[in-house]
Amino acid sequence: MIVGSLEHALSSTGGFCAGRTFVVYHQRLCGRLLNAIMQLQFP
């Protein structure tokens, strides 16, 4: 997995990650799951 930040290079916020397809899908799923759990706890 390759992870990079855009904060210092472009005076911006955010970043990127690149890797094999199954790793990227796993990260997307974990983010959506965390978001759904947080919405259930704090309506």
Protein backbone atom coordinates (compact mmCIF):
# COMPACT_ATOMS: atom_id res chain seq x y z
CA MET A 1 0.00 0.00 0.00
CA ILE A 2 1.21 3.48 -0.86
CA VAL A 3 -0.06 6.36 1.27
CA GLY A 4 0.62 10.03 0.63
CA SER A 5 -0.32 13.40 2.03
CA LEU A 6 -1.10 16.58 0.13
CA GLU A 7 -0.81 18.94 3.09
CA HIS A 8 2.74 20.21 2.56
CA ALA A 9 3.21 19.84 -1.18
CA LEU A 10 0.10 21.66 -2.40
CA SER A 11 -0.91 23.66 0.70
CA SER A 12 -4.05 21.57 0.81
CA THR A 13 -5.68 19.01 3.05
CA GLY A 14 -6.24 15.34 2.45
CA GLY A 15 -4.23 12.59 0.95
CA PHE A 16 -4.40 9.42 -1.05
CA CYS A 17 -3.74 5.72 -0.80
CA ALA A 18 -3.12 3.22 -3.55
CA GLY A 19 -2.78 -0.51 -3.47
CA ARG A 20 -4.28 -3.76 -4.60
CA THR A 21 -8.00 -3.81 -5.28
CA PHE A 22 -8.98 -5.95 -2.29
CA VAL A 23 -7.06 -3.67 0.12
CA VAL A 24 -8.78 -0.55 -1.23
CA TYR A 25 -12.22 -2.21 -1.00
CA HIS A 26 -11.47 -3.23 2.59
CA GLN A 27 -10.62 0.35 3.52
CA ARG A 28 -13.77 1.69 1.89
CA LEU A 29 -15.92 -0.86 3.70
CA CYS A 30 -14.37 -0.07 7.10
CA GLY A 31 -14.98 3.65 6.61
CA ARG A 32 -18.61 3.15 5.66
CA LEU A 33 -19.15 0.78 8.57
CA LEU A 34 -17.68 3.24 11.05
CA ASN A 35 -19.83 6.03 9.62
CA ALA A 36 -22.98 3.90 9.95
CA ILE A 37 -22.17 2.96 13.55
CA MET A 38 -21.54 6.58 14.53
CA GLN A 39 -24.88 7.64 13.02
CA LEU A 40 -26.69 5.01 15.08
CA GLN A 41 -25.06 6.16 18.31
CA PHE A 42 -25.61 9.89 17.77
CA PRO A 43 -28.93 10.49 15.96
